[in-house]
Amino acid sequence: MMLEKTTRINFLLDFYQALLTAKQRSYMELYYLEDYSLGEISDTFEVSRQAVYDNIKRTEKMLESYEERLKLYEKFLKRQTLIKELETKVTDKALLADIQTLKELD
């Protein structure tokens, strides 16, 4: 479960990080991408662990709220599924090359 949540949050960060403040981005990147502990982040920014924890939880909720409205991650997953299905059905080499190009766009 934790790995699934981490993967989901990382994707949501990819899609919505431009909507976050610099501090929110920093905390989330350190926690989810760099695997820093709450204590390490609090030492880095000279704030309490509780402040870091609260900021991360609040930002997670914001990311989920953005996804609920915009559904960028959901659409990405659907595209990935459709591309995989196409790959198994298509035998034409030119179309397979086009499918590969689509995969590289995401």
PDB file of N, CA and C in Angstrom:
ATOM      1  N   MET A   1       0.825  -1.207   0.000  1.00  0.00           N
ATOM      2  CA  MET A   1       0.000   0.000   0.000  1.00  0.00           C
ATOM      3  C   MET A   1       0.863   1.262   0.000  1.00  0.00           C
ATOM      4  N   MET A   2       1.900   1.293   0.803  1.00  0.00           N
ATOM      5  CA  MET A   2       2.742   2.484   0.890  1.00  0.00           C
ATOM      6  C   MET A   2       3.419   2.775  -0.447  1.00  0.00           C
ATOM      7  N   LEU A   3       3.877   1.729  -1.145  1.00  0.00           N
ATOM      8  CA  LEU A   3       4.515   1.916  -2.440  1.00  0.00           C
ATOM      9  C   LEU A   3       3.517   2.468  -3.452  1.00  0.00           C
ATOM     10  N   GLU A   4       2.282   1.963  -3.421  1.00  0.00           N
ATOM     11  CA  GLU A   4       1.244   2.461  -4.325  1.00  0.00           C
ATOM     12  C   GLU A   4       0.960   3.937  -4.066  1.00  0.00           C
ATOM     13  N   LYS A   5       0.893   4.310  -2.782  1.00  0.00           N
ATOM     14  CA  LYS A   5       0.633   5.711  -2.443  1.00  0.00           C
ATOM     15  C   LYS A   5       1.793   6.583  -2.905  1.00  0.00           C
ATOM     16  N   THR A   6       3.004   6.120  -2.674  1.00  0.00           N
ATOM     17  CA  THR A   6       4.184   6.884  -3.082  1.00  0.00           C
ATOM     18  C   THR A   6       4.204   7.069  -4.597  1.00  0.00           C
ATOM     19  N   THR A   7       3.905   6.007  -5.325  1.00  0.00           N
ATOM     20  CA  THR A   7       3.876   6.092  -6.784  1.00  0.00           C
ATOM     21  C   THR A   7       2.813   7.081  -7.240  1.00  0.00           C
ATOM     22  N   ARG A   8       1.642   6.982  -6.645  1.00  0.00           N
ATOM     23  CA  ARG A   8       0.545   7.889  -7.009  1.00  0.00           C
ATOM     24  C   ARG A   8       0.924   9.340  -6.730  1.00  0.00           C
ATOM     25  N   ILE A   9       1.454   9.601  -5.543  1.00  0.00           N
ATOM     26  CA  ILE A   9       1.833  10.970  -5.177  1.00  0.00           C
ATOM     27  C   ILE A   9       2.916  11.490  -6.121  1.00  0.00           C
ATOM     28  N   ASN A  10       3.874  10.641  -6.487  1.00  0.00           N
ATOM     29  CA  ASN A  10       4.919  11.067  -7.422  1.00  0.00           C
ATOM     30  C   ASN A  10       4.326  11.466  -8.765  1.00  0.00           C
ATOM     31  N   PHE A  11       3.363  10.692  -9.260  1.00  0.00           N
ATOM     32  CA  PHE A  11       2.706  11.060 -10.509  1.00  0.00           C
ATOM     33  C   PHE A  11       1.920  12.359 -10.349  1.00  0.00           C
ATOM     34  N   LEU A  12       1.188  12.484  -9.243  1.00  0.00           N
ATOM     35  CA  LEU A  12       0.429  13.712  -9.019  1.00  0.00           C
ATOM     36  C   LEU A  12       1.364  14.918  -8.949  1.00  0.00           C
ATOM     37  N   LEU A  13       2.520  14.732  -8.341  1.00  0.00           N
ATOM     38  CA  LEU A  13       3.517  15.808  -8.301  1.00  0.00           C
ATOM     39  C   LEU A  13       3.964  16.176  -9.712  1.00  0.00           C
ATOM     40  N   ASP A  14       4.200  15.173 -10.546  1.00  0.00           N
ATOM     41  CA  ASP A  14       4.596  15.445 -11.927  1.00  0.00           C
ATOM     42  C   ASP A  14       3.556  16.300 -12.633  1.00  0.00           C
ATOM     43  N   PHE A  15       2.295  15.951 -12.445  1.00  0.00           N
ATOM     44  CA  PHE A  15       1.227  16.653 -13.147  1.00  0.00           C
ATOM     45  C   PHE A  15       0.904  18.022 -12.557  1.00  0.00           C
ATOM     46  N   TYR A  16       0.960  18.165 -11.236  1.00  0.00           N
ATOM     47  CA  TYR A  16       0.428  19.362 -10.590  1.00  0.00           C
ATOM     48  C   TYR A  16       1.450  20.209  -9.834  1.00  0.00           C
ATOM     49  N   GLN A  17       2.733  19.905  -9.936  1.00  0.00           N
ATOM     50  CA  GLN A  17       3.709  20.636  -9.133  1.00  0.00           C
ATOM     51  C   GLN A  17       3.728  22.133  -9.423  1.00  0.00           C
ATOM     52  N   ALA A  18       3.377  22.524 -10.618  1.00  0.00           N
ATOM     53  CA  ALA A  18       3.359  23.955 -10.947  1.00  0.00           C
ATOM     54  C   ALA A  18       2.301  24.714 -10.147  1.00  0.00           C
ATOM     55  N   LEU A  19       1.339  23.996  -9.590  1.00  0.00           N
ATOM     56  CA  LEU A  19       0.280  24.626  -8.809  1.00  0.00           C
ATOM     57  C   LEU A  19       0.639  24.758  -7.331  1.00  0.00           C
ATOM     58  N   LEU A  20       1.801  24.231  -6.950  1.00  0.00           N
ATOM     59  CA  LEU A  20       2.234  24.263  -5.550  1.00  0.00           C
ATOM     60  C   LEU A  20       3.187  25.421  -5.309  1.00  0.00           C
ATOM     61  N   THR A  21       3.290  25.811  -4.046  1.00  0.00           N
ATOM     62  CA  THR A  21       4.281  26.824  -3.680  1.00  0.00           C
ATOM     63  C   THR A  21       5.667  26.180  -3.682  1.00  0.00           C
ATOM     64  N   ALA A  22       6.681  26.998  -3.664  1.00  0.00           N
ATOM     65  CA  ALA A  22       8.057  26.496  -3.655  1.00  0.00           C
ATOM     66  C   ALA A  22       8.305  25.628  -2.415  1.00  0.00           C
ATOM     67  N   LYS A  23       7.779  26.062  -1.267  1.00  0.00           N
ATOM     68  CA  LYS A  23       7.974  25.285  -0.037  1.00  0.00           C
ATOM     69  C   LYS A  23       7.261  23.940  -0.122  1.00  0.00           C
ATOM     70  N   GLN A  24       6.043  23.940  -0.627  1.00  0.00           N
ATOM     71  CA  GLN A  24       5.309  22.679  -0.775  1.00  0.00           C
ATOM     72  C   GLN A  24       6.054  21.726  -1.707  1.00  0.00           C
ATOM     73  N   ARG A  25       6.534  22.264  -2.836  1.00  0.00           N
ATOM     74  CA  ARG A  25       7.298  21.434  -3.774  1.00  0.00           C
ATOM     75  C   ARG A  25       8.536  20.860  -3.107  1.00  0.00           C
ATOM     76  N   SER A  26       9.247  21.699  -2.375  1.00  0.00           N
ATOM     77  CA  SER A  26      10.485  21.251  -1.717  1.00  0.00           C
ATOM     78  C   SER A  26      10.208  20.125  -0.729  1.00  0.00           C
ATOM     79  N   TYR A  27       9.234  20.317   0.137  1.00  0.00           N
ATOM     80  CA  TYR A  27       8.900  19.292   1.127  1.00  0.00           C
ATOM     81  C   TYR A  27       8.503  17.989   0.452  1.00  0.00           C
ATOM     82  N   MET A  28       7.642  18.081  -0.559  1.00  0.00           N
ATOM     83  CA  MET A  28       7.143  16.878  -1.227  1.00  0.00           C
ATOM     84  C   MET A  28       8.253  16.167  -1.996  1.00  0.00           C
ATOM     85  N   GLU A  29       9.105  16.925  -2.663  1.00  0.00           N
ATOM     86  CA  GLU A  29      10.212  16.309  -3.400  1.00  0.00           C
ATOM     87  C   GLU A  29      11.177  15.618  -2.447  1.00  0.00           C
ATOM     88  N   LEU A  30      11.498  16.279  -1.354  1.00  0.00           N
ATOM     89  CA  LEU A  30      12.414  15.661  -0.391  1.00  0.00           C
ATOM     90  C   LEU A  30      11.795  14.404   0.222  1.00  0.00           C
ATOM     91  N   TYR A  31      10.529  14.474   0.574  1.00  0.00           N
ATOM     92  CA  TYR A  31       9.875  13.354   1.248  1.00  0.00           C
ATOM     93  C   TYR A  31       9.595  12.194   0.297  1.00  0.00           C
ATOM     94  N   TYR A  32       9.031  12.490  -0.870  1.00  0.00           N
ATOM     95  CA  TYR A  32       8.602  11.421  -1.770  1.00  0.00           C
ATOM     96  C   TYR A  32       9.643  11.019  -2.813  1.00  0.00           C
ATOM     97  N   LEU A  33      10.434  11.970  -3.286  1.00  0.00           N
ATOM     98  CA  LEU A  33      11.416  11.633  -4.321  1.00  0.00           C
ATOM     99  C   LEU A  33      12.784  11.286  -3.739  1.00  0.00           C
ATOM    100  N   GLU A  34      13.203  12.049  -2.751  1.00  0.00           N
ATOM    101  CA  GLU A  34      14.527  11.837  -2.166  1.00  0.00           C
ATOM    102  C   GLU A  34      14.507  10.929  -0.940  1.00  0.00           C
ATOM    103  N   ASP A  35      13.306  10.577  -0.479  1.00  0.00           N
ATOM    104  CA  ASP A  35      13.121   9.669   0.655  1.00  0.00           C
ATOM    105  C   ASP A  35      13.710  10.211   1.966  1.00  0.00           C
ATOM    106  N   TYR A  36      13.635  11.525   2.139  1.00  0.00           N
ATOM    107  CA  TYR A  36      14.058  12.131   3.402  1.00  0.00           C
ATOM    108  C   TYR A  36      13.011  11.817   4.472  1.00  0.00           C
ATOM    109  N   SER A  37      13.457  11.728   5.709  1.00  0.00           N
ATOM    110  CA  SER A  37      12.516  11.558   6.819  1.00  0.00           C
ATOM    111  C   SER A  37      11.975  12.931   7.214  1.00  0.00           C
ATOM    112  N   LEU A  38      10.908  12.917   8.004  1.00  0.00           N
ATOM    113  CA  LEU A  38      10.357  14.187   8.496  1.00  0.00           C
ATOM    114  C   LEU A  38      11.406  14.949   9.293  1.00  0.00           C
ATOM    115  N   GLY A  39      12.183  14.227  10.085  1.00  0.00           N
ATOM    116  CA  GLY A  39      13.233  14.852  10.891  1.00  0.00           C
ATOM    117  C   GLY A  39      14.307  15.506  10.036  1.00  0.00           C
ATOM    118  N   GLU A  40      14.703  14.830   8.960  1.00  0.00           N
ATOM    119  CA  GLU A  40      15.724  15.403   8.076  1.00  0.00           C
ATOM    120  C   GLU A  40      15.216  16.667   7.392  1.00  0.00           C
ATOM    121  N   ILE A  41      13.963  16.643   6.979  1.00  0.00           N
ATOM    122  CA  ILE A  41      13.384  17.832   6.340  1.00  0.00           C
ATOM    123  C   ILE A  41      13.258  18.967   7.348  1.00  0.00           C
ATOM    124  N   SER A  42      12.829  18.631   8.564  1.00  0.00           N
ATOM    125  CA  SER A  42      12.686  19.678   9.589  1.00  0.00           C
ATOM    126  C   SER A  42      14.042  20.291   9.938  1.00  0.00           C
ATOM    127  N   ASP A  43      15.096  19.485   9.975  1.00  0.00           N
ATOM    128  CA  ASP A  43      16.441  20.018  10.221  1.00  0.00           C
ATOM    129  C   ASP A  43      16.895  20.923   9.074  1.00  0.00           C
ATOM    130  N   THR A  44      16.615  20.516   7.859  1.00  0.00           N
ATOM    131  CA  THR A  44      17.019  21.284   6.682  1.00  0.00           C
ATOM    132  C   THR A  44      16.366  22.656   6.660  1.00  0.00           C
ATOM    133  N   PHE A  45      15.081  22.713   7.002  1.00  0.00           N
ATOM    134  CA  PHE A  45      14.334  23.970   6.932  1.00  0.00           C
ATOM    135  C   PHE A  45      14.203  24.662   8.282  1.00  0.00           C
ATOM    136  N   GLU A  46      14.784  24.054   9.311  1.00  0.00           N
ATOM    137  CA  GLU A  46      14.758  24.613  10.665  1.00  0.00           C
ATOM    138  C   GLU A  46      13.333  24.914  11.130  1.00  0.00           C
ATOM    139  N   VAL A  47      12.477  23.909  10.977  1.00  0.00           N
ATOM    140  CA  VAL A  47      11.102  23.969  11.475  1.00  0.00           C
ATOM    141  C   VAL A  47      10.842  22.673  12.234  1.00  0.00           C
ATOM    142  N   SER A  48       9.700  22.594  12.892  1.00  0.00           N
ATOM    143  CA  SER A  48       9.390  21.388  13.649  1.00  0.00           C
ATOM    144  C   SER A  48       8.972  20.252  12.712  1.00  0.00           C
ATOM    145  N   ARG A  49       9.131  19.036  13.214  1.00  0.00           N
ATOM    146  CA  ARG A  49       8.678  17.862  12.450  1.00  0.00           C
ATOM    147  C   ARG A  49       7.177  17.953  12.202  1.00  0.00           C
ATOM    148  N   GLN A  50       6.455  18.447  13.197  1.00  0.00           N
ATOM    149  CA  GLN A  50       4.997  18.578  13.071  1.00  0.00           C
ATOM    150  C   GLN A  50       4.633  19.529  11.933  1.00  0.00           C
ATOM    151  N   ALA A  51       5.396  20.625  11.795  1.00  0.00           N
ATOM    152  CA  ALA A  51       5.138  21.583  10.714  1.00  0.00           C
ATOM    153  C   ALA A  51       5.353  20.913   9.353  1.00  0.00           C
ATOM    154  N   VAL A  52       6.395  20.117   9.234  1.00  0.00           N
ATOM    155  CA  VAL A  52       6.674  19.400   7.988  1.00  0.00           C
ATOM    156  C   VAL A  52       5.548  18.409   7.705  1.00  0.00           C
ATOM    157  N   TYR A  53       5.188  17.636   8.722  1.00  0.00           N
ATOM    158  CA  TYR A  53       4.125  16.638   8.583  1.00  0.00           C
ATOM    159  C   TYR A  53       2.817  17.297   8.134  1.00  0.00           C
ATOM    160  N   ASP A  54       2.441  18.377   8.807  1.00  0.00           N
ATOM    161  CA  ASP A  54       1.196  19.080   8.468  1.00  0.00           C
ATOM    162  C   ASP A  54       1.228  19.603   7.036  1.00  0.00           C
ATOM    163  N   ASN A  55       2.371  20.166   6.635  1.00  0.00           N
ATOM    164  CA  ASN A  55       2.504  20.698   5.287  1.00  0.00           C
ATOM    165  C   ASN A  55       2.381  19.585   4.247  1.00  0.00           C
ATOM    166  N   ILE A  56       3.017  18.446   4.488  1.00  0.00           N
ATOM    167  CA  ILE A  56       2.960  17.323   3.549  1.00  0.00           C
ATOM    168  C   ILE A  56       1.532  16.792   3.447  1.00  0.00           C
ATOM    169  N   LYS A  57       0.860  16.601   4.567  1.00  0.00           N
ATOM    170  CA  LYS A  57      -0.518  16.089   4.544  1.00  0.00           C
ATOM    171  C   LYS A  57      -1.461  17.062   3.834  1.00  0.00           C
ATOM    172  N   ARG A  58      -1.291  18.337   4.100  1.00  0.00           N
ATOM    173  CA  ARG A  58      -2.127  19.352   3.462  1.00  0.00           C
ATOM    174  C   ARG A  58      -1.872  19.369   1.943  1.00  0.00           C
ATOM    175  N   THR A  59      -0.613  19.228   1.558  1.00  0.00           N
ATOM    176  CA  THR A  59      -0.266  19.221   0.135  1.00  0.00           C
ATOM    177  C   THR A  59      -0.784  17.965  -0.554  1.00  0.00           C
ATOM    178  N   GLU A  60      -0.729  16.831   0.122  1.00  0.00           N
ATOM    179  CA  GLU A  60      -1.294  15.595  -0.436  1.00  0.00           C
ATOM    180  C   GLU A  60      -2.780  15.789  -0.742  1.00  0.00           C
ATOM    181  N   LYS A  61      -3.495  16.403   0.193  1.00  0.00           N
ATOM    182  CA  LYS A  61      -4.923  16.662  -0.014  1.00  0.00           C
ATOM    183  C   LYS A  61      -5.147  17.605  -1.190  1.00  0.00           C
ATOM    184  N   MET A  62      -4.295  18.597  -1.320  1.00  0.00           N
ATOM    185  CA  MET A  62      -4.405  19.528  -2.445  1.00  0.00           C
ATOM    186  C   MET A  62      -4.195  18.795  -3.765  1.00  0.00           C
ATOM    187  N   LEU A  63      -3.174  17.944  -3.819  1.00  0.00           N
ATOM    188  CA  LEU A  63      -2.889  17.193  -5.041  1.00  0.00           C
ATOM    189  C   LEU A  63      -4.076  16.300  -5.410  1.00  0.00           C
ATOM    190  N   GLU A  64      -4.646  15.645  -4.413  1.00  0.00           N
ATOM    191  CA  GLU A  64      -5.810  14.783  -4.666  1.00  0.00           C
ATOM    192  C   GLU A  64      -7.003  15.619  -5.135  1.00  0.00           C
ATOM    193  N   SER A  65      -7.144  16.808  -4.592  1.00  0.00           N
ATOM    194  CA  SER A  65      -8.220  17.698  -4.997  1.00  0.00           C
ATOM    195  C   SER A  65      -8.040  18.133  -6.457  1.00  0.00           C
ATOM    196  N   TYR A  66      -6.817  18.473  -6.832  1.00  0.00           N
ATOM    197  CA  TYR A  66      -6.545  18.828  -8.224  1.00  0.00           C
ATOM    198  C   TYR A  66      -6.867  17.654  -9.147  1.00  0.00           C
ATOM    199  N   GLU A  67      -6.463  16.463  -8.745  1.00  0.00           N
ATOM    200  CA  GLU A  67      -6.720  15.279  -9.563  1.00  0.00           C
ATOM    201  C   GLU A  67      -8.217  15.008  -9.674  1.00  0.00           C
ATOM    202  N   GLU A  68      -8.935  15.204  -8.591  1.00  0.00           N
ATOM    203  CA  GLU A  68     -10.381  14.991  -8.601  1.00  0.00           C
ATOM    204  C   GLU A  68     -11.060  15.885  -9.638  1.00  0.00           C
ATOM    205  N   ARG A  69     -10.552  17.099  -9.771  1.00  0.00           N
ATOM    206  CA  ARG A  69     -11.152  18.050 -10.711  1.00  0.00           C
ATOM    207  C   ARG A  69     -10.615  17.898 -12.131  1.00  0.00           C
ATOM    208  N   LEU A  70      -9.297  17.727 -12.271  1.00  0.00           N
ATOM    209  CA  LEU A  70      -8.680  17.761 -13.598  1.00  0.00           C
ATOM    210  C   LEU A  70      -8.444  16.374 -14.219  1.00  0.00           C
ATOM    211  N   LYS A  71      -8.270  15.366 -13.376  1.00  0.00           N
ATOM    212  CA  LYS A  71      -8.135  13.975 -13.805  1.00  0.00           C
ATOM    213  C   LYS A  71      -6.977  13.722 -14.783  1.00  0.00           C
ATOM    214  N   LEU A  72      -5.889  14.451 -14.632  1.00  0.00           N
ATOM    215  CA  LEU A  72      -4.751  14.240 -15.525  1.00  0.00           C
ATOM    216  C   LEU A  72      -4.112  12.864 -15.328  1.00  0.00           C
ATOM    217  N   TYR A  73      -3.982  12.432 -14.095  1.00  0.00           N
ATOM    218  CA  TYR A  73      -3.391  11.119 -13.819  1.00  0.00           C
ATOM    219  C   TYR A  73      -4.304  10.007 -14.312  1.00  0.00           C
ATOM    220  N   GLU A  74      -5.594  10.149 -14.078  1.00  0.00           N
ATOM    221  CA  GLU A  74      -6.559   9.147 -14.541  1.00  0.00           C
ATOM    222  C   GLU A  74      -6.507   9.006 -16.064  1.00  0.00           C
ATOM    223  N   LYS A  75      -6.453  10.127 -16.761  1.00  0.00           N
ATOM    224  CA  LYS A  75      -6.380  10.100 -18.224  1.00  0.00           C
ATOM    225  C   LYS A  75      -5.065   9.481 -18.690  1.00  0.00           C
ATOM    226  N   PHE A  76      -3.986   9.772 -17.991  1.00  0.00           N
ATOM    227  CA  PHE A  76      -2.680   9.179 -18.302  1.00  0.00           C
ATOM    228  C   PHE A  76      -2.748   7.656 -18.193  1.00  0.00           C
ATOM    229  N   LEU A  77      -3.344   7.164 -17.105  1.00  0.00           N
ATOM    230  CA  LEU A  77      -3.459   5.715 -16.922  1.00  0.00           C
ATOM    231  C   LEU A  77      -4.308   5.074 -18.019  1.00  0.00           C
ATOM    232  N   LYS A  78      -5.380   5.736 -18.404  1.00  0.00           N
ATOM    233  CA  LYS A  78      -6.223   5.225 -19.481  1.00  0.00           C
ATOM    234  C   LYS A  78      -5.459   5.169 -20.794  1.00  0.00           C
ATOM    235  N   ARG A  79      -4.691   6.225 -21.082  1.00  0.00           N
ATOM    236  CA  ARG A  79      -3.879   6.224 -22.307  1.00  0.00           C
ATOM    237  C   ARG A  79      -2.884   5.076 -22.299  1.00  0.00           C
ATOM    238  N   GLN A  80      -2.246   4.860 -21.153  1.00  0.00           N
ATOM    239  CA  GLN A  80      -1.270   3.773 -21.050  1.00  0.00           C
ATOM    240  C   GLN A  80      -1.918   2.422 -21.309  1.00  0.00           C
ATOM    241  N   THR A  81      -3.104   2.222 -20.764  1.00  0.00           N
ATOM    242  CA  THR A  81      -3.835   0.967 -20.956  1.00  0.00           C
ATOM    243  C   THR A  81      -4.209   0.778 -22.425  1.00  0.00           C
ATOM    244  N   LEU A  82      -4.716   1.828 -23.042  1.00  0.00           N
ATOM    245  CA  LEU A  82      -5.098   1.742 -24.455  1.00  0.00           C
ATOM    246  C   LEU A  82      -3.892   1.476 -25.350  1.00  0.00           C
ATOM    247  N   ILE A  83      -2.781   2.094 -25.052  1.00  0.00           N
ATOM    248  CA  ILE A  83      -1.572   1.878 -25.843  1.00  0.00           C
ATOM    249  C   ILE A  83      -1.115   0.429 -25.733  1.00  0.00           C
ATOM    250  N   LYS A  84      -1.147  -0.136 -24.525  1.00  0.00           N
ATOM    251  CA  LYS A  84      -0.767  -1.540 -24.345  1.00  0.00           C
ATOM    252  C   LYS A  84      -1.696  -2.463 -25.120  1.00  0.00           C
ATOM    253  N   GLU A  85      -2.998  -2.160 -25.086  1.00  0.00           N
ATOM    254  CA  GLU A  85      -3.963  -2.966 -25.833  1.00  0.00           C
ATOM    255  C   GLU A  85      -3.698  -2.882 -27.334  1.00  0.00           C
ATOM    256  N   LEU A  86      -3.411  -1.679 -27.811  1.00  0.00           N
ATOM    257  CA  LEU A  86      -3.104  -1.512 -29.234  1.00  0.00           C
ATOM    258  C   LEU A  86      -1.872  -2.316 -29.637  1.00  0.00           C
ATOM    259  N   GLU A  87      -0.860  -2.294 -28.799  1.00  0.00           N
ATOM    260  CA  GLU A  87       0.367  -3.034 -29.103  1.00  0.00           C
ATOM    261  C   GLU A  87       0.108  -4.519 -29.296  1.00  0.00           C
ATOM    262  N   THR A  88      -0.815  -5.064 -28.517  1.00  0.00           N
ATOM    263  CA  THR A  88      -1.083  -6.498 -28.632  1.00  0.00           C
ATOM    264  C   THR A  88      -1.945  -6.818 -29.849  1.00  0.00           C
ATOM    265  N   LYS A  89      -2.692  -5.852 -30.345  1.00  0.00           N
ATOM    266  CA  LYS A  89      -3.608  -6.097 -31.463  1.00  0.00           C
ATOM    267  C   LYS A  89      -3.011  -5.775 -32.832  1.00  0.00           C
ATOM    268  N   VAL A  90      -2.067  -4.858 -32.865  1.00  0.00           N
ATOM    269  CA  VAL A  90      -1.539  -4.364 -34.135  1.00  0.00           C
ATOM    270  C   VAL A  90      -0.358  -5.211 -34.585  1.00  0.00           C
ATOM    271  N   THR A  91      -0.338  -5.530 -35.875  1.00  0.00           N
ATOM    272  CA  THR A  91       0.790  -6.285 -36.441  1.00  0.00           C
ATOM    273  C   THR A  91       1.562  -5.469 -37.471  1.00  0.00           C
ATOM    274  N   ASP A  92       0.962  -4.403 -37.964  1.00  0.00           N
ATOM    275  CA  ASP A  92       1.605  -3.552 -38.962  1.00  0.00           C
ATOM    276  C   ASP A  92       2.778  -2.803 -38.320  1.00  0.00           C
ATOM    277  N   LYS A  93       3.959  -2.912 -38.934  1.00  0.00           N
ATOM    278  CA  LYS A  93       5.167  -2.299 -38.355  1.00  0.00           C
ATOM    279  C   LYS A  93       5.090  -0.775 -38.304  1.00  0.00           C
ATOM    280  N   ALA A  94       4.482  -0.167 -39.284  1.00  0.00           N
ATOM    281  CA  ALA A  94       4.360   1.295 -39.282  1.00  0.00           C
ATOM    282  C   ALA A  94       3.470   1.756 -38.130  1.00  0.00           C
ATOM    283  N   LEU A  95       2.372   1.041 -37.919  1.00  0.00           N
ATOM    284  CA  LEU A  95       1.497   1.392 -36.801  1.00  0.00           C
ATOM    285  C   LEU A  95       2.177   1.143 -35.465  1.00  0.00           C
ATOM    286  N   LEU A  96       2.957   0.086 -35.351  1.00  0.00           N
ATOM    287  CA  LEU A  96       3.698  -0.178 -34.116  1.00  0.00           C
ATOM    288  C   LEU A  96       4.698   0.945 -33.836  1.00  0.00           C
ATOM    289  N   ALA A  97       5.302   1.464 -34.898  1.00  0.00           N
ATOM    290  CA  ALA A  97       6.228   2.593 -34.732  1.00  0.00           C
ATOM    291  C   ALA A  97       5.477   3.820 -34.224  1.00  0.00           C
ATOM    292  N   ASP A  98       4.264   4.042 -34.748  1.00  0.00           N
ATOM    293  CA  ASP A  98       3.440   5.163 -34.275  1.00  0.00           C
ATOM    294  C   ASP A  98       3.047   4.984 -32.814  1.00  0.00           C
ATOM    295  N   ILE A  99       2.744   3.761 -32.442  1.00  0.00           N
ATOM    296  CA  ILE A  99       2.387   3.462 -31.045  1.00  0.00           C
ATOM    297  C   ILE A  99       3.585   3.751 -30.147  1.00  0.00           C
ATOM    298  N   GLN A 100       4.771   3.369 -30.591  1.00  0.00           N
ATOM    299  CA  GLN A 100       5.981   3.648 -29.811  1.00  0.00           C
ATOM    300  C   GLN A 100       6.168   5.158 -29.636  1.00  0.00           C
ATOM    301  N   THR A 101       5.896   5.919 -30.671  1.00  0.00           N
ATOM    302  CA  THR A 101       5.983   7.375 -30.593  1.00  0.00           C
ATOM    303  C   THR A 101       4.998   7.923 -29.560  1.00  0.00           C
ATOM    304  N   LEU A 102       3.784   7.371 -29.560  1.00  0.00           N
ATOM    305  CA  LEU A 102       2.798   7.775 -28.543  1.00  0.00           C
ATOM    306  C   LEU A 102       3.291   7.487 -27.136  1.00  0.00           C
ATOM    307  N   LYS A 103       3.890   6.337 -26.930  1.00  0.00           N
ATOM    308  CA  LYS A 103       4.396   5.982 -25.605  1.00  0.00           C
ATOM    309  C   LYS A 103       5.467   6.970 -25.148  1.00  0.00           C
ATOM    310  N   GLU A 104       6.295   7.401 -26.066  1.00  0.00           N
ATOM    311  CA  GLU A 104       7.376   8.311 -25.720  1.00  0.00           C
ATOM    312  C   GLU A 104       6.870   9.716 -25.377  1.00  0.00           C
ATOM    313  N   LEU A 105       5.693  10.074 -25.876  1.00  0.00           N
ATOM    314  CA  LEU A 105       5.116  11.374 -25.562  1.00  0.00           C
ATOM    315  C   LEU A 105       4.713  11.489 -24.102  1.00  0.00           C
ATOM    316  N   ASP A 106       4.272  10.389 -23.519  1.00  0.00           N
ATOM    317  CA  ASP A 106       3.866  10.399 -22.109  1.00  0.00           C
ATOM    318  C   ASP A 106       5.093  10.274 -21.263  1.00  0.00           C
TER     319      ASP A 106
END
